[in-house]
Amino acid sequence: MRLWTAAKPLVIAAAAGLPLAGIAAFLFVKSGVYDVGAAKRHTRLTEWLTHETMIHSVRLRAERLAPPSHTSADEVVAGYCAYETHCVACHGAAGVAREAWVSGMEPQPPYLLDATEQFTPGELFWIVKNGIKMTGMPAWGSSMSDRQMWNIVAWLQVSRNLPPQTYLRLRVERRCAATGETSPAPGPLSIPPP
């Protein structure tokens, strides 16, 4: 009983404050005072809030996704080809800068050199398949097969352990040009599976 007596004013204040907070949030949104222009960086609070929301949302939705039990070297190279076609412009690669127009995006797409340290393979697959709202990251699930998306994840896993020159060498060798976007050109390539 004493606990309720002590907590009662806090409970009443919180109950009264919720509608006021909702009204304040509604008025803030309708005022237009928040600058949504991409030319100006997010505030630290907005950046933290959206990033943390994204991390926890991806973790929740990807917790049961497991990579294929086997990935061949050819599939890893196919992942490179898909990355080269669809991802490198925004995310860059070892020895490859992002396209200049990416600097006009807010938030800017991250380099993915350490993505496999921040996300599990399942989480990376989920991001590739579903995209991320309000970031410019598209959902590739409607235009790529699951295998193609797992190949990209496999490439990200393997590429972190390759010398930075490997990506540039694959580009110079035009590994993907001979047979299309996601099929590696024939020839030996020493890339271990992830």
N, C-alpha and C. Protein backbone atom coordinates (compact mmCIF):
# COMPACT_ATOMS: atom_id res chain seq x y z
N MET A 1 0.82 -1.19 0.00
CA MET A 1 0.00 0.00 0.00
C MET A 1 0.86 1.25 0.00
N ARG A 2 1.97 1.21 0.74
CA ARG A 2 2.85 2.39 0.81
C ARG A 2 3.50 2.63 -0.55
N LEU A 3 3.83 1.53 -1.25
CA LEU A 3 4.44 1.67 -2.57
C LEU A 3 3.48 2.36 -3.52
N TRP A 4 2.21 1.95 -3.51
CA TRP A 4 1.22 2.58 -4.37
C TRP A 4 1.05 4.05 -4.01
N THR A 5 1.05 4.37 -2.74
CA THR A 5 0.91 5.76 -2.31
C THR A 5 2.07 6.60 -2.83
N ALA A 6 3.29 6.03 -2.83
CA ALA A 6 4.45 6.76 -3.32
C ALA A 6 4.46 6.84 -4.84
N ALA A 7 4.00 5.79 -5.51
CA ALA A 7 4.06 5.74 -6.98
C ALA A 7 2.86 6.41 -7.64
N LYS A 8 1.78 6.59 -6.90
CA LYS A 8 0.54 7.11 -7.48
C LYS A 8 0.75 8.46 -8.19
N PRO A 9 1.43 9.43 -7.61
CA PRO A 9 1.62 10.70 -8.32
C PRO A 9 2.41 10.53 -9.64
N LEU A 10 3.40 9.62 -9.65
CA LEU A 10 4.16 9.38 -10.87
C LEU A 10 3.30 8.75 -11.96
N VAL A 11 2.46 7.81 -11.56
CA VAL A 11 1.57 7.13 -12.52
C VAL A 11 0.59 8.14 -13.11
N ILE A 12 0.03 8.99 -12.27
CA ILE A 12 -0.93 10.00 -12.73
C ILE A 12 -0.23 11.00 -13.66
N ALA A 13 0.98 11.41 -13.29
CA ALA A 13 1.73 12.36 -14.14
C ALA A 13 2.06 11.73 -15.49
N ALA A 14 2.45 10.47 -15.48
CA ALA A 14 2.77 9.78 -16.73
C ALA A 14 1.53 9.64 -17.60
N ALA A 15 0.41 9.27 -16.99
CA ALA A 15 -0.84 9.11 -17.73
C ALA A 15 -1.29 10.44 -18.33
N ALA A 16 -1.09 11.50 -17.59
CA ALA A 16 -1.46 12.83 -18.10
C ALA A 16 -0.47 13.31 -19.15
N GLY A 17 0.78 12.91 -19.01
CA GLY A 17 1.82 13.36 -19.93
C GLY A 17 1.78 12.70 -21.30
N LEU A 18 1.29 11.47 -21.37
CA LEU A 18 1.26 10.76 -22.64
C LEU A 18 0.44 11.48 -23.71
N PRO A 19 -0.76 11.90 -23.41
CA PRO A 19 -1.51 12.64 -24.44
C PRO A 19 -0.82 13.95 -24.82
N LEU A 20 -0.22 14.61 -23.85
CA LEU A 20 0.49 15.86 -24.14
C LEU A 20 1.70 15.61 -25.04
N ALA A 21 2.43 14.52 -24.78
CA ALA A 21 3.57 14.17 -25.62
C ALA A 21 3.11 13.84 -27.04
N GLY A 22 2.00 13.14 -27.15
CA GLY A 22 1.44 12.82 -28.47
C GLY A 22 1.03 14.07 -29.23
N ILE A 23 0.40 14.99 -28.55
CA ILE A 23 0.00 16.25 -29.19
C ILE A 23 1.23 17.04 -29.60
N ALA A 24 2.24 17.09 -28.73
CA ALA A 24 3.47 17.81 -29.06
C ALA A 24 4.15 17.19 -30.28
N ALA A 25 4.21 15.86 -30.34
CA ALA A 25 4.81 15.19 -31.49
C ALA A 25 4.03 15.49 -32.76
N PHE A 26 2.71 15.44 -32.69
CA PHE A 26 1.86 15.75 -33.84
C PHE A 26 2.10 17.18 -34.33
N LEU A 27 2.15 18.13 -33.40
CA LEU A 27 2.39 19.53 -33.78
C LEU A 27 3.78 19.72 -34.39
N PHE A 28 4.77 19.01 -33.85
CA PHE A 28 6.13 19.08 -34.40
C PHE A 28 6.14 18.60 -35.85
N VAL A 29 5.50 17.46 -36.10
CA VAL A 29 5.45 16.90 -37.46
C VAL A 29 4.73 17.86 -38.39
N LYS A 30 3.60 18.38 -37.98
CA LYS A 30 2.80 19.26 -38.84
C LYS A 30 3.43 20.63 -39.03
N SER A 31 4.32 21.05 -38.13
CA SER A 31 4.92 22.39 -38.22
C SER A 31 5.89 22.52 -39.39
N GLY A 32 6.51 21.40 -39.79
CA GLY A 32 7.50 21.46 -40.87
C GLY A 32 8.83 22.02 -40.42
N VAL A 33 9.03 22.21 -39.14
CA VAL A 33 10.25 22.83 -38.64
C VAL A 33 11.48 21.92 -38.82
N TYR A 34 11.27 20.60 -38.86
CA TYR A 34 12.40 19.69 -39.05
C TYR A 34 12.81 19.71 -40.51
N ASP A 35 14.09 19.98 -40.76
CA ASP A 35 14.62 20.06 -42.13
C ASP A 35 14.87 18.65 -42.66
N VAL A 36 14.11 18.24 -43.67
CA VAL A 36 14.27 16.91 -44.24
C VAL A 36 15.20 16.91 -45.45
N GLY A 37 15.80 18.04 -45.78
CA GLY A 37 16.70 18.13 -46.92
C GLY A 37 17.92 17.24 -46.74
N ALA A 38 18.31 16.53 -47.81
CA ALA A 38 19.46 15.64 -47.75
C ALA A 38 20.78 16.40 -47.74
N ALA A 39 20.76 17.69 -48.04
CA ALA A 39 21.99 18.48 -48.06
C ALA A 39 22.51 18.75 -46.65
N LYS A 40 21.67 18.56 -45.66
CA LYS A 40 22.04 18.81 -44.27
C LYS A 40 22.02 17.48 -43.52
N ARG A 41 23.08 17.19 -42.78
CA ARG A 41 23.18 15.92 -42.05
C ARG A 41 22.10 15.83 -40.98
N HIS A 42 21.76 14.58 -40.64
CA HIS A 42 20.83 14.33 -39.54
C HIS A 42 21.42 14.86 -38.23
N THR A 43 20.56 15.17 -37.30
CA THR A 43 21.04 15.50 -35.96
C THR A 43 21.57 14.20 -35.34
N ARG A 44 22.37 14.32 -34.30
CA ARG A 44 22.91 13.12 -33.65
C ARG A 44 21.80 12.24 -33.09
N LEU A 45 20.77 12.88 -32.55
CA LEU A 45 19.65 12.12 -32.00
C LEU A 45 18.93 11.35 -33.12
N THR A 46 18.66 12.01 -34.23
CA THR A 46 17.98 11.35 -35.34
C THR A 46 18.83 10.23 -35.89
N GLU A 47 20.12 10.47 -36.04
CA GLU A 47 21.02 9.45 -36.54
C GLU A 47 21.05 8.24 -35.61
N TRP A 48 21.16 8.49 -34.32
CA TRP A 48 21.18 7.40 -33.35
C TRP A 48 19.86 6.64 -33.37
N LEU A 49 18.76 7.36 -33.35
CA LEU A 49 17.43 6.74 -33.30
C LEU A 49 17.18 5.87 -34.52
N THR A 50 17.47 6.37 -35.71
CA THR A 50 17.21 5.58 -36.91
C THR A 50 18.18 4.40 -37.02
N HIS A 51 19.45 4.61 -36.65
CA HIS A 51 20.43 3.53 -36.74
C HIS A 51 20.10 2.40 -35.75
N GLU A 52 19.80 2.75 -34.53
CA GLU A 52 19.46 1.75 -33.52
C GLU A 52 18.18 1.00 -33.89
N THR A 53 17.20 1.74 -34.42
CA THR A 53 15.96 1.10 -34.85
C THR A 53 16.24 0.10 -35.95
N MET A 54 17.09 0.48 -36.91
CA MET A 54 17.42 -0.40 -38.02
C MET A 54 18.14 -1.66 -37.52
N ILE A 55 19.14 -1.49 -36.66
CA ILE A 55 19.92 -2.62 -36.15
C ILE A 55 18.99 -3.65 -35.48
N HIS A 56 18.13 -3.18 -34.59
CA HIS A 56 17.28 -4.10 -33.83
C HIS A 56 16.18 -4.71 -34.70
N SER A 57 15.68 -3.95 -35.66
CA SER A 57 14.69 -4.47 -36.59
C SER A 57 15.28 -5.59 -37.44
N VAL A 58 16.48 -5.37 -37.96
CA VAL A 58 17.14 -6.39 -38.79
C VAL A 58 17.43 -7.63 -37.95
N ARG A 59 17.95 -7.45 -36.75
CA ARG A 59 18.26 -8.61 -35.89
C ARG A 59 17.02 -9.46 -35.63
N LEU A 60 15.92 -8.81 -35.32
CA LEU A 60 14.68 -9.53 -35.02
C LEU A 60 14.21 -10.33 -36.23
N ARG A 61 14.24 -9.72 -37.39
CA ARG A 61 13.70 -10.36 -38.59
C ARG A 61 14.64 -11.39 -39.22
N ALA A 62 15.91 -11.32 -38.89
CA ALA A 62 16.89 -12.22 -39.52
C ALA A 62 17.39 -13.31 -38.60
N GLU A 63 16.87 -13.38 -37.39
CA GLU A 63 17.45 -14.30 -36.42
C GLU A 63 17.39 -15.76 -36.83
N ARG A 64 16.49 -16.16 -37.69
CA ARG A 64 16.38 -17.56 -38.10
C ARG A 64 16.94 -17.82 -39.50
N LEU A 65 17.53 -16.82 -40.12
CA LEU A 65 18.10 -16.99 -41.46
C LEU A 65 19.52 -17.52 -41.35
N ALA A 66 19.77 -18.62 -42.01
CA ALA A 66 21.11 -19.22 -41.99
C ALA A 66 21.60 -19.33 -43.44
N PRO A 67 22.89 -19.10 -43.65
CA PRO A 67 23.43 -19.20 -45.01
C PRO A 67 23.38 -20.64 -45.52
N PRO A 68 23.47 -20.81 -46.83
CA PRO A 68 23.53 -22.17 -47.37
C PRO A 68 24.69 -22.93 -46.75
N SER A 69 24.54 -24.22 -46.65
CA SER A 69 25.58 -25.03 -46.00
C SER A 69 26.87 -25.08 -46.82
N HIS A 70 26.78 -24.84 -48.11
CA HIS A 70 27.97 -24.88 -48.95
C HIS A 70 27.91 -23.74 -49.97
N THR A 71 29.02 -23.07 -50.13
CA THR A 71 29.16 -22.03 -51.15
C THR A 71 30.45 -22.31 -51.90
N SER A 72 30.35 -22.43 -53.21
CA SER A 72 31.53 -22.73 -54.02
C SER A 72 32.29 -21.45 -54.36
N ALA A 73 33.51 -21.61 -54.82
CA ALA A 73 34.30 -20.46 -55.27
C ALA A 73 33.61 -19.75 -56.43
N ASP A 74 32.96 -20.51 -57.32
CA ASP A 74 32.24 -19.89 -58.44
C ASP A 74 31.08 -19.03 -57.94
N GLU A 75 30.40 -19.48 -56.88
CA GLU A 75 29.30 -18.69 -56.32
C GLU A 75 29.82 -17.43 -55.65
N VAL A 76 30.99 -17.51 -55.04
CA VAL A 76 31.60 -16.31 -54.45
C VAL A 76 31.93 -15.31 -55.54
N VAL A 77 32.49 -15.77 -56.65
CA VAL A 77 32.80 -14.87 -57.76
C VAL A 77 31.50 -14.33 -58.36
N ALA A 78 30.46 -15.14 -58.42
CA ALA A 78 29.16 -14.64 -58.87
C ALA A 78 28.66 -13.55 -57.93
N GLY A 79 28.94 -13.71 -56.64
CA GLY A 79 28.60 -12.67 -55.67
C GLY A 79 29.37 -11.38 -55.94
N TYR A 80 30.66 -11.53 -56.30
CA TYR A 80 31.44 -10.35 -56.71
C TYR A 80 30.77 -9.68 -57.90
N CYS A 81 30.36 -10.47 -58.89
CA CYS A 81 29.76 -9.90 -60.10
C CYS A 81 28.46 -9.15 -59.77
N ALA A 82 27.63 -9.73 -58.91
CA ALA A 82 26.40 -9.05 -58.50
C ALA A 82 26.73 -7.78 -57.70
N TYR A 83 27.73 -7.86 -56.83
CA TYR A 83 28.15 -6.69 -56.05
C TYR A 83 28.65 -5.59 -56.99
N GLU A 84 29.46 -5.99 -57.96
CA GLU A 84 30.00 -5.03 -58.93
C GLU A 84 28.88 -4.35 -59.72
N THR A 85 27.86 -5.10 -60.05
CA THR A 85 26.75 -4.57 -60.84
C THR A 85 25.80 -3.71 -60.02
N HIS A 86 25.46 -4.16 -58.81
CA HIS A 86 24.38 -3.53 -58.06
C HIS A 86 24.80 -2.73 -56.83
N CYS A 87 25.99 -2.97 -56.29
CA CYS A 87 26.32 -2.45 -54.96
C CYS A 87 27.48 -1.46 -54.91
N VAL A 88 28.49 -1.67 -55.74
CA VAL A 88 29.74 -0.93 -55.60
C VAL A 88 29.57 0.57 -55.80
N ALA A 89 28.63 0.99 -56.62
CA ALA A 89 28.44 2.43 -56.85
C ALA A 89 28.15 3.16 -55.54
N CYS A 90 27.31 2.58 -54.72
CA CYS A 90 26.94 3.22 -53.45
C CYS A 90 27.88 2.86 -52.30
N HIS A 91 28.33 1.59 -52.25
CA HIS A 91 29.08 1.12 -51.09
C HIS A 91 30.58 1.04 -51.29
N GLY A 92 31.06 1.21 -52.54
CA GLY A 92 32.49 1.09 -52.77
C GLY A 92 32.99 -0.30 -52.47
N ALA A 93 34.30 -0.46 -52.53
CA ALA A 93 34.95 -1.75 -52.24
C ALA A 93 36.40 -1.46 -51.90
N ALA A 94 37.14 -2.49 -51.54
CA ALA A 94 38.57 -2.31 -51.25
C ALA A 94 39.24 -1.74 -52.49
N GLY A 95 39.80 -0.57 -52.37
CA GLY A 95 40.48 0.08 -53.48
C GLY A 95 39.56 0.77 -54.47
N VAL A 96 38.25 0.79 -54.21
CA VAL A 96 37.27 1.40 -55.11
C VAL A 96 36.40 2.37 -54.32
N ALA A 97 36.44 3.63 -54.72
CA ALA A 97 35.63 4.65 -54.04
C ALA A 97 34.18 4.55 -54.48
N ARG A 98 33.30 5.06 -53.65
CA ARG A 98 31.90 5.18 -54.04
C ARG A 98 31.78 6.23 -55.13
N GLU A 99 30.69 6.21 -55.89
CA GLU A 99 30.45 7.22 -56.90
C GLU A 99 30.27 8.59 -56.22
N ALA A 100 30.64 9.65 -56.92
CA ALA A 100 30.60 11.00 -56.34
C ALA A 100 29.19 11.40 -55.92
N TRP A 101 28.18 10.98 -56.67
CA TRP A 101 26.81 11.38 -56.35
C TRP A 101 26.32 10.83 -55.01
N VAL A 102 26.99 9.81 -54.48
CA VAL A 102 26.60 9.22 -53.20
C VAL A 102 26.77 10.23 -52.07
N SER A 103 27.69 11.17 -52.23
CA SER A 103 27.91 12.16 -51.16
C SER A 103 26.69 13.07 -50.99
N GLY A 104 25.76 13.05 -51.94
CA GLY A 104 24.52 13.81 -51.80
C GLY A 104 23.41 13.06 -51.11
N MET A 105 23.68 11.83 -50.68
CA MET A 105 22.66 11.04 -49.99
C MET A 105 22.79 11.22 -48.48
N GLU A 106 21.66 11.22 -47.80
CA GLU A 106 21.65 11.32 -46.35
C GLU A 106 20.64 10.33 -45.80
N PRO A 107 21.05 9.33 -45.08
CA PRO A 107 22.42 9.07 -44.69
C PRO A 107 23.22 8.49 -45.87
N GLN A 108 24.52 8.68 -45.82
CA GLN A 108 25.37 8.14 -46.87
C GLN A 108 25.49 6.63 -46.69
N PRO A 109 25.46 5.90 -47.80
CA PRO A 109 25.62 4.45 -47.68
C PRO A 109 26.98 4.11 -47.09
N PRO A 110 27.04 3.15 -46.21
CA PRO A 110 28.32 2.81 -45.59
C PRO A 110 29.20 1.99 -46.53
N TYR A 111 30.50 2.13 -46.36
CA TYR A 111 31.41 1.17 -46.98
C TYR A 111 31.14 -0.15 -46.28
N LEU A 112 31.25 -1.25 -46.99
CA LEU A 112 30.91 -2.55 -46.42
C LEU A 112 32.12 -3.41 -46.11
N LEU A 113 33.29 -2.79 -46.00
CA LEU A 113 34.51 -3.55 -45.74
C LEU A 113 34.45 -4.31 -44.42
N ASP A 114 33.74 -3.76 -43.45
CA ASP A 114 33.63 -4.44 -42.15
C ASP A 114 32.20 -4.88 -41.85
N ALA A 115 31.36 -4.95 -42.86
CA ALA A 115 29.95 -5.31 -42.66
C ALA A 115 29.79 -6.67 -42.00
N THR A 116 30.69 -7.60 -42.31
CA THR A 116 30.57 -8.95 -41.74
C THR A 116 30.97 -8.99 -40.27
N GLU A 117 31.58 -7.94 -39.79
CA GLU A 117 31.88 -7.85 -38.36
C GLU A 117 30.70 -7.25 -37.60
N GLN A 118 29.86 -6.49 -38.31
CA GLN A 118 28.72 -5.82 -37.68
C GLN A 118 27.43 -6.62 -37.78
N PHE A 119 27.34 -7.45 -38.83
CA PHE A 119 26.11 -8.19 -39.09
C PHE A 119 26.43 -9.66 -39.36
N THR A 120 25.51 -10.53 -38.98
CA THR A 120 25.64 -11.95 -39.30
C THR A 120 25.31 -12.14 -40.78
N PRO A 121 25.67 -13.30 -41.35
CA PRO A 121 25.28 -13.56 -42.74
C PRO A 121 23.77 -13.45 -42.96
N GLY A 122 22.98 -13.97 -42.02
CA GLY A 122 21.52 -13.87 -42.13
C GLY A 122 21.04 -12.43 -42.14
N GLU A 123 21.64 -11.60 -41.30
CA GLU A 123 21.26 -10.18 -41.26
C GLU A 123 21.63 -9.48 -42.57
N LEU A 124 22.81 -9.78 -43.10
CA LEU A 124 23.21 -9.18 -44.38
C LEU A 124 22.26 -9.62 -45.49
N PHE A 125 21.91 -10.90 -45.51
CA PHE A 125 20.96 -11.39 -46.51
C PHE A 125 19.64 -10.65 -46.38
N TRP A 126 19.14 -10.50 -45.17
CA TRP A 126 17.86 -9.83 -44.95
C TRP A 126 17.93 -8.39 -45.45
N ILE A 127 19.03 -7.70 -45.19
CA ILE A 127 19.18 -6.31 -45.65
C ILE A 127 19.18 -6.26 -47.18
N VAL A 128 19.94 -7.15 -47.81
CA VAL A 128 19.99 -7.16 -49.27
C VAL A 128 18.59 -7.46 -49.83
N LYS A 129 17.91 -8.42 -49.25
CA LYS A 129 16.61 -8.83 -49.77
C LYS A 129 15.52 -7.77 -49.55
N ASN A 130 15.51 -7.14 -48.39
CA ASN A 130 14.42 -6.26 -48.01
C ASN A 130 14.72 -4.77 -48.09
N GLY A 131 16.00 -4.40 -48.20
CA GLY A 131 16.36 -2.99 -48.22
C GLY A 131 16.15 -2.34 -46.86
N ILE A 132 16.43 -1.05 -46.80
CA ILE A 132 16.25 -0.29 -45.56
C ILE A 132 15.49 1.00 -45.92
N LYS A 133 14.36 1.20 -45.29
CA LYS A 133 13.54 2.38 -45.56
C LYS A 133 14.31 3.67 -45.29
N MET A 134 14.02 4.67 -46.07
CA MET A 134 14.54 6.04 -45.92
C MET A 134 16.06 6.12 -45.95
N THR A 135 16.72 5.19 -46.65
CA THR A 135 18.17 5.25 -46.77
C THR A 135 18.63 5.20 -48.22
N GLY A 136 17.76 4.84 -49.12
CA GLY A 136 18.16 4.63 -50.50
C GLY A 136 18.58 3.19 -50.78
N MET A 137 18.64 2.34 -49.73
CA MET A 137 19.00 0.94 -49.91
C MET A 137 17.79 0.19 -50.43
N PRO A 138 17.84 -0.26 -51.72
CA PRO A 138 16.68 -0.93 -52.30
C PRO A 138 16.51 -2.36 -51.80
N ALA A 139 15.32 -2.87 -51.97
CA ALA A 139 15.03 -4.28 -51.69
C ALA A 139 15.30 -5.06 -52.97
N TRP A 140 16.31 -5.91 -52.95
CA TRP A 140 16.69 -6.66 -54.14
C TRP A 140 15.90 -7.96 -54.28
N GLY A 141 15.06 -8.28 -53.31
CA GLY A 141 14.33 -9.54 -53.32
C GLY A 141 13.40 -9.72 -54.51
N SER A 142 12.96 -8.63 -55.11
CA SER A 142 12.05 -8.77 -56.25
C SER A 142 12.79 -8.90 -57.58
N SER A 143 14.09 -8.64 -57.58
CA SER A 143 14.83 -8.72 -58.84
C SER A 143 16.01 -9.70 -58.80
N MET A 144 16.27 -10.29 -57.66
CA MET A 144 17.35 -11.28 -57.53
C MET A 144 16.80 -12.52 -56.85
N SER A 145 17.41 -13.65 -57.18
CA SER A 145 17.04 -14.90 -56.49
C SER A 145 17.71 -14.92 -55.11
N ASP A 146 17.20 -15.77 -54.25
CA ASP A 146 17.84 -15.94 -52.94
C ASP A 146 19.30 -16.36 -53.11
N ARG A 147 19.57 -17.24 -54.06
CA ARG A 147 20.94 -17.70 -54.28
C ARG A 147 21.85 -16.53 -54.67
N GLN A 148 21.37 -15.64 -55.54
CA GLN A 148 22.18 -14.48 -55.92
C GLN A 148 22.48 -13.60 -54.72
N MET A 149 21.49 -13.41 -53.86
CA MET A 149 21.70 -12.57 -52.68
C MET A 149 22.65 -13.25 -51.68
N TRP A 150 22.54 -14.58 -51.52
CA TRP A 150 23.49 -15.30 -50.66
C TRP A 150 24.89 -15.22 -51.25
N ASN A 151 25.00 -15.21 -52.58
CA ASN A 151 26.31 -15.07 -53.21
C ASN A 151 26.95 -13.73 -52.86
N ILE A 152 26.14 -12.67 -52.83
CA ILE A 152 26.67 -11.36 -52.42
C ILE A 152 27.18 -11.42 -50.99
N VAL A 153 26.41 -12.04 -50.12
CA VAL A 153 26.82 -12.19 -48.71
C VAL A 153 28.12 -12.98 -48.65
N ALA A 154 28.21 -14.05 -49.43
CA ALA A 154 29.44 -14.86 -49.45
C ALA A 154 30.62 -14.02 -49.93
N TRP A 155 30.40 -13.19 -50.94
CA TRP A 155 31.47 -12.31 -51.42
C TRP A 155 31.92 -11.37 -50.31
N LEU A 156 30.97 -10.78 -49.59
CA LEU A 156 31.33 -9.87 -48.49
C LEU A 156 32.15 -10.61 -47.43
N GLN A 157 31.77 -11.84 -47.14
CA GLN A 157 32.50 -12.62 -46.13
C GLN A 157 33.93 -12.92 -46.59
N VAL A 158 34.08 -13.31 -47.83
CA VAL A 158 35.40 -13.69 -48.34
C VAL A 158 36.26 -12.45 -48.59
N SER A 159 35.67 -11.41 -49.11
CA SER A 159 36.46 -10.24 -49.53
C SER A 159 37.20 -9.56 -48.38
N ARG A 160 36.69 -9.68 -47.17
CA ARG A 160 37.38 -9.05 -46.03
C ARG A 160 38.75 -9.66 -45.79
N ASN A 161 38.97 -10.89 -46.26
CA ASN A 161 40.25 -11.58 -46.05
C ASN A 161 41.15 -11.56 -47.28
N LEU A 162 40.71 -10.92 -48.34
CA LEU A 162 41.50 -10.86 -49.57
C LEU A 162 42.32 -9.58 -49.61
N PRO A 163 43.45 -9.59 -50.29
CA PRO A 163 44.21 -8.35 -50.45
C PRO A 163 43.35 -7.31 -51.17
N PRO A 164 43.48 -6.03 -50.82
CA PRO A 164 42.66 -4.99 -51.44
C PRO A 164 42.75 -4.97 -52.97
N GLN A 165 43.86 -5.41 -53.51
CA GLN A 165 44.04 -5.40 -54.95
C GLN A 165 43.15 -6.42 -55.66
N THR A 166 42.60 -7.37 -54.94
CA THR A 166 41.80 -8.43 -55.56
C THR A 166 40.60 -7.86 -56.30
N TYR A 167 39.89 -6.93 -55.67
CA TYR A 167 38.70 -6.36 -56.32
C TYR A 167 39.10 -5.66 -57.61
N LEU A 168 40.16 -4.87 -57.55
CA LEU A 168 40.62 -4.16 -58.75
C LEU A 168 41.08 -5.15 -59.82
N ARG A 169 41.76 -6.22 -59.41
CA ARG A 169 42.21 -7.22 -60.37
C ARG A 169 41.03 -7.88 -61.07
N LEU A 170 39.99 -8.22 -60.31
CA LEU A 170 38.80 -8.82 -60.92
C LEU A 170 38.15 -7.86 -61.92
N ARG A 171 38.17 -6.58 -61.60
CA ARG A 171 37.63 -5.58 -62.52
C ARG A 171 38.44 -5.53 -63.81
N VAL A 172 39.76 -5.47 -63.66
CA VAL A 172 40.64 -5.39 -64.82
C VAL A 172 40.49 -6.64 -65.69
N GLU A 173 40.38 -7.79 -65.05
CA GLU A 173 40.22 -9.04 -65.79
C GLU A 173 38.83 -9.17 -66.41
N ARG A 174 37.93 -8.24 -66.08
CA ARG A 174 36.57 -8.25 -66.59
C ARG A 174 35.91 -9.62 -66.35
N ARG A 175 36.01 -10.07 -65.12
CA ARG A 175 35.52 -11.38 -64.71
C ARG A 175 34.05 -11.59 -65.05
N CYS A 176 33.26 -10.54 -65.06
CA CYS A 176 31.82 -10.70 -65.26
C CYS A 176 31.36 -10.35 -66.66
N ALA A 177 32.18 -9.67 -67.40
CA ALA A 177 31.75 -9.15 -68.70
C ALA A 177 31.46 -10.24 -69.72
N ALA A 178 32.18 -11.34 -69.68
CA ALA A 178 32.06 -12.36 -70.72
C ALA A 178 30.71 -13.07 -70.69
N THR A 179 30.18 -13.31 -69.53
CA THR A 179 28.99 -14.15 -69.46
C THR A 179 27.80 -13.47 -68.80
N GLY A 180 27.90 -12.22 -68.45
CA GLY A 180 26.77 -11.53 -67.84
C GLY A 180 27.01 -11.18 -66.40
N GLU A 181 26.05 -10.49 -65.85
CA GLU A 181 26.17 -9.87 -64.54
C GLU A 181 26.59 -10.80 -63.41
N THR A 182 25.94 -11.91 -63.25
CA THR A 182 26.20 -12.71 -62.05
C THR A 182 26.88 -14.04 -62.34
N SER A 183 27.43 -14.18 -63.52
CA SER A 183 28.16 -15.41 -63.81
C SER A 183 29.62 -15.08 -64.03
N PRO A 184 30.50 -15.73 -63.30
CA PRO A 184 31.91 -15.42 -63.48
C PRO A 184 32.43 -15.92 -64.82
N ALA A 185 33.37 -15.19 -65.37
CA ALA A 185 34.03 -15.64 -66.60
C ALA A 185 34.89 -16.85 -66.27
N PRO A 186 35.09 -17.72 -67.22
CA PRO A 186 35.89 -18.89 -66.95
C PRO A 186 37.33 -18.53 -66.64
N GLY A 187 37.99 -19.41 -65.95
CA GLY A 187 39.40 -19.19 -65.63
C GLY A 187 39.64 -19.42 -64.15
N PRO A 188 40.86 -19.78 -63.81
CA PRO A 188 41.15 -20.08 -62.41
C PRO A 188 41.17 -18.81 -61.56
N LEU A 189 40.67 -18.95 -60.38
CA LEU A 189 40.70 -17.86 -59.42
C LEU A 189 40.75 -18.49 -58.04
N SER A 190 41.72 -18.10 -57.28
CA SER A 190 41.91 -18.70 -55.97
C SER A 190 41.14 -17.90 -54.93
N ILE A 191 39.87 -18.23 -54.77
CA ILE A 191 39.04 -17.60 -53.75
C ILE A 191 38.45 -18.72 -52.91
N PRO A 192 38.77 -18.74 -51.63
CA PRO A 192 38.22 -19.78 -50.77
C PRO A 192 36.76 -19.51 -50.49
N PRO A 193 35.93 -20.53 -50.29
CA PRO A 193 34.55 -20.31 -49.90
C PRO A 193 34.50 -19.68 -48.51
N PRO A 194 33.39 -18.99 -48.18
CA PRO A 194 33.30 -18.34 -46.86
C PRO A 194 33.25 -19.34 -45.72
